[in-house]
């Protein structure tokens, strides 16, 4: 078991500024992804999100019709 503990050991004092920025950024993005998944997969939000499902097709129709004010 000690080999597994040695494998996951982190020398916190040896971490540089870039290491800390990367670690914090990774944790923040992970937490934001968890929040996004919970929001999207909650049945209560289904009707609200379903109303937006045709947005990509609407943008394609504007481009094909030559509408330049659709931006």
N, C-alpha and C. Protein backbone atom coordinates (compact mmCIF):
# COMPACT_ATOMS: atom_id res chain seq x y z
N UNK A 1 0.82 -1.20 0.00
CA UNK A 1 0.00 0.00 0.00
C UNK A 1 0.86 1.26 0.00
N UNK A 2 2.05 1.18 0.53
CA UNK A 2 2.89 2.37 0.57
C UNK A 2 3.33 2.79 -0.84
N UNK A 3 3.43 1.86 -1.77
CA UNK A 3 3.82 2.25 -3.12
C UNK A 3 2.71 3.09 -3.77
N UNK A 4 1.46 2.78 -3.46
CA UNK A 4 0.36 3.57 -3.98
C UNK A 4 0.36 4.96 -3.35
N UNK A 5 0.63 5.04 -2.07
CA UNK A 5 0.71 6.33 -1.39
C UNK A 5 1.89 7.15 -1.92
N UNK A 6 3.01 6.49 -2.21
CA UNK A 6 4.15 7.19 -2.79
C UNK A 6 3.83 7.69 -4.20
N UNK A 7 3.05 6.95 -4.93
CA UNK A 7 2.70 7.33 -6.29
C UNK A 7 1.86 8.61 -6.30
N UNK A 8 0.95 8.75 -5.35
CA UNK A 8 0.08 9.92 -5.30
C UNK A 8 0.59 11.02 -4.38
N UNK A 9 1.80 10.90 -3.88
CA UNK A 9 2.39 11.92 -3.00
C UNK A 9 2.67 13.19 -3.79
N UNK A 10 2.36 14.34 -3.19
CA UNK A 10 2.62 15.63 -3.82
C UNK A 10 3.51 16.45 -2.90
N UNK A 11 4.57 16.98 -3.46
CA UNK A 11 5.47 17.86 -2.71
C UNK A 11 4.96 19.29 -2.88
N UNK A 12 4.10 19.74 -1.95
CA UNK A 12 3.44 21.03 -2.06
C UNK A 12 4.43 22.19 -2.04
N UNK A 13 5.52 22.05 -1.30
CA UNK A 13 6.50 23.15 -1.22
C UNK A 13 7.27 23.32 -2.53
N UNK A 14 7.37 22.28 -3.33
CA UNK A 14 8.13 22.36 -4.58
C UNK A 14 7.29 22.87 -5.75
N UNK A 15 6.01 23.10 -5.53
CA UNK A 15 5.15 23.56 -6.63
C UNK A 15 5.45 25.02 -6.97
N UNK A 16 5.56 25.29 -8.26
CA UNK A 16 5.81 26.65 -8.72
C UNK A 16 4.49 27.40 -8.87
N UNK A 17 4.58 28.66 -9.23
CA UNK A 17 3.38 29.47 -9.43
C UNK A 17 2.52 28.89 -10.55
N UNK A 18 3.17 28.45 -11.62
CA UNK A 18 2.42 27.85 -12.72
C UNK A 18 1.72 26.56 -12.29
N UNK A 19 2.34 25.78 -11.44
CA UNK A 19 1.71 24.57 -10.92
C UNK A 19 0.46 24.92 -10.12
N UNK A 20 0.54 25.95 -9.27
CA UNK A 20 -0.61 26.35 -8.46
C UNK A 20 -1.74 26.89 -9.33
N UNK A 21 -1.38 27.70 -10.33
CA UNK A 21 -2.40 28.24 -11.23
C UNK A 21 -3.11 27.09 -11.96
N UNK A 22 -2.33 26.13 -12.45
CA UNK A 22 -2.92 24.98 -13.14
C UNK A 22 -3.80 24.14 -12.24
N UNK A 23 -3.37 23.93 -11.01
CA UNK A 23 -4.15 23.14 -10.06
C UNK A 23 -5.46 23.83 -9.72
N UNK A 24 -5.38 25.12 -9.41
CA UNK A 24 -6.59 25.87 -9.06
C UNK A 24 -7.53 25.95 -10.25
N UNK A 25 -7.00 26.21 -11.44
CA UNK A 25 -7.83 26.29 -12.64
C UNK A 25 -8.52 24.96 -12.93
N UNK A 26 -7.81 23.87 -12.75
CA UNK A 26 -8.39 22.55 -12.97
C UNK A 26 -9.54 22.28 -11.99
N UNK A 27 -9.35 22.61 -10.74
CA UNK A 27 -10.39 22.38 -9.73
C UNK A 27 -11.61 23.27 -10.01
N UNK A 28 -11.39 24.53 -10.38
CA UNK A 28 -12.50 25.44 -10.65
C UNK A 28 -13.30 24.97 -11.87
N UNK A 29 -12.61 24.58 -12.94
CA UNK A 29 -13.30 24.09 -14.14
C UNK A 29 -14.06 22.81 -13.83
N UNK A 30 -13.49 21.92 -13.04
CA UNK A 30 -14.18 20.70 -12.65
C UNK A 30 -15.47 21.02 -11.90
N UNK A 31 -15.41 21.96 -10.96
CA UNK A 31 -16.60 22.32 -10.20
C UNK A 31 -17.66 22.98 -11.10
N UNK A 32 -17.22 23.83 -12.03
CA UNK A 32 -18.17 24.45 -12.96
C UNK A 32 -18.83 23.40 -13.86
N UNK A 33 -18.09 22.39 -14.27
CA UNK A 33 -18.66 21.33 -15.09
C UNK A 33 -19.68 20.52 -14.29
N UNK A 34 -19.42 20.26 -13.02
CA UNK A 34 -20.38 19.54 -12.19
C UNK A 34 -21.66 20.36 -12.06
N UNK A 35 -21.53 21.66 -11.83
CA UNK A 35 -22.71 22.53 -11.73
C UNK A 35 -23.49 22.52 -13.05
N UNK A 36 -22.77 22.61 -14.18
CA UNK A 36 -23.44 22.61 -15.48
C UNK A 36 -24.17 21.29 -15.73
N UNK A 37 -23.56 20.17 -15.40
CA UNK A 37 -24.21 18.87 -15.58
C UNK A 37 -25.45 18.75 -14.70
N UNK A 38 -25.36 19.19 -13.46
CA UNK A 38 -26.52 19.12 -12.56
C UNK A 38 -27.65 20.00 -13.10
N UNK A 39 -27.32 21.19 -13.59
CA UNK A 39 -28.33 22.10 -14.13
C UNK A 39 -29.00 21.51 -15.37
N UNK A 40 -28.20 20.97 -16.28
CA UNK A 40 -28.74 20.45 -17.54
C UNK A 40 -29.52 19.16 -17.33
N UNK A 41 -29.09 18.32 -16.45
CA UNK A 41 -29.73 17.02 -16.28
C UNK A 41 -30.87 17.03 -15.27
N UNK A 42 -31.17 18.17 -14.65
CA UNK A 42 -32.28 18.26 -13.71
C UNK A 42 -33.60 18.28 -14.49
N UNK A 43 -34.51 17.38 -14.19
CA UNK A 43 -35.78 17.31 -14.93
C UNK A 43 -36.59 18.61 -14.88
N UNK A 44 -36.44 19.38 -13.84
CA UNK A 44 -37.18 20.63 -13.67
C UNK A 44 -36.83 21.64 -14.78
N UNK A 45 -35.62 21.58 -15.33
CA UNK A 45 -35.17 22.53 -16.34
C UNK A 45 -35.41 22.05 -17.77
N UNK A 46 -36.06 20.91 -17.94
CA UNK A 46 -36.21 20.33 -19.27
C UNK A 46 -36.97 21.24 -20.22
N UNK A 47 -38.11 21.77 -19.81
CA UNK A 47 -38.91 22.61 -20.70
C UNK A 47 -38.17 23.89 -21.09
N UNK A 48 -37.47 24.48 -20.16
CA UNK A 48 -36.73 25.70 -20.43
C UNK A 48 -35.62 25.46 -21.45
N UNK A 49 -34.89 24.36 -21.30
CA UNK A 49 -33.80 24.06 -22.21
C UNK A 49 -34.29 23.54 -23.55
N UNK A 50 -35.42 22.85 -23.56
CA UNK A 50 -35.98 22.35 -24.82
C UNK A 50 -36.40 23.49 -25.73
N UNK A 51 -36.77 24.64 -25.17
CA UNK A 51 -37.19 25.76 -25.99
C UNK A 51 -36.03 26.35 -26.79
N UNK A 52 -34.81 26.06 -26.41
CA UNK A 52 -33.63 26.58 -27.10
C UNK A 52 -33.01 25.58 -28.07
N UNK A 53 -33.62 24.43 -28.29
CA UNK A 53 -32.95 23.38 -29.06
C UNK A 53 -32.85 23.68 -30.55
N UNK A 54 -33.61 24.63 -31.06
CA UNK A 54 -33.58 24.93 -32.48
C UNK A 54 -32.70 26.14 -32.82
N UNK A 55 -32.00 26.68 -31.87
CA UNK A 55 -31.17 27.86 -32.11
C UNK A 55 -30.10 27.61 -33.18
N UNK A 56 -29.37 26.51 -33.19
CA UNK A 56 -28.36 26.32 -34.25
C UNK A 56 -28.98 26.28 -35.65
N UNK A 57 -30.15 25.70 -35.81
CA UNK A 57 -30.79 25.65 -37.11
C UNK A 57 -31.28 27.03 -37.54
N UNK A 58 -31.71 27.86 -36.60
CA UNK A 58 -32.15 29.22 -36.92
C UNK A 58 -31.00 30.05 -37.48
N UNK A 59 -29.81 29.90 -36.92
CA UNK A 59 -28.65 30.64 -37.42
C UNK A 59 -28.30 30.21 -38.83
N UNK A 60 -28.40 28.92 -39.14
CA UNK A 60 -28.11 28.43 -40.48
C UNK A 60 -29.09 28.99 -41.50
N UNK A 61 -30.36 29.11 -41.13
CA UNK A 61 -31.37 29.64 -42.05
C UNK A 61 -31.09 31.11 -42.37
N UNK A 62 -30.64 31.89 -41.40
CA UNK A 62 -30.32 33.29 -41.64
C UNK A 62 -29.14 33.42 -42.60
N UNK A 63 -28.14 32.58 -42.44
CA UNK A 63 -26.96 32.64 -43.30
C UNK A 63 -27.34 32.26 -44.74
N UNK A 64 -28.13 31.22 -44.91
CA UNK A 64 -28.53 30.76 -46.25
C UNK A 64 -29.42 31.78 -46.96
N UNK A 65 -30.24 32.52 -46.23
CA UNK A 65 -31.13 33.48 -46.85
C UNK A 65 -30.42 34.79 -47.19
N UNK A 66 -29.20 34.96 -46.72
CA UNK A 66 -28.44 36.15 -47.02
C UNK A 66 -28.72 37.31 -46.07
N UNK A 67 -29.32 37.04 -44.95
CA UNK A 67 -29.64 38.07 -43.97
C UNK A 67 -28.35 38.47 -43.25
N UNK A 68 -27.85 39.67 -43.51
CA UNK A 68 -26.61 40.11 -42.90
C UNK A 68 -26.83 40.79 -41.57
N UNK A 69 -28.06 41.12 -41.25
CA UNK A 69 -28.37 41.77 -39.98
C UNK A 69 -28.65 40.77 -38.88
N UNK A 70 -28.51 39.48 -39.13
CA UNK A 70 -28.84 38.45 -38.15
C UNK A 70 -27.73 38.18 -37.16
N UNK A 71 -26.71 38.99 -37.13
CA UNK A 71 -25.59 38.72 -36.23
C UNK A 71 -25.89 39.08 -34.84
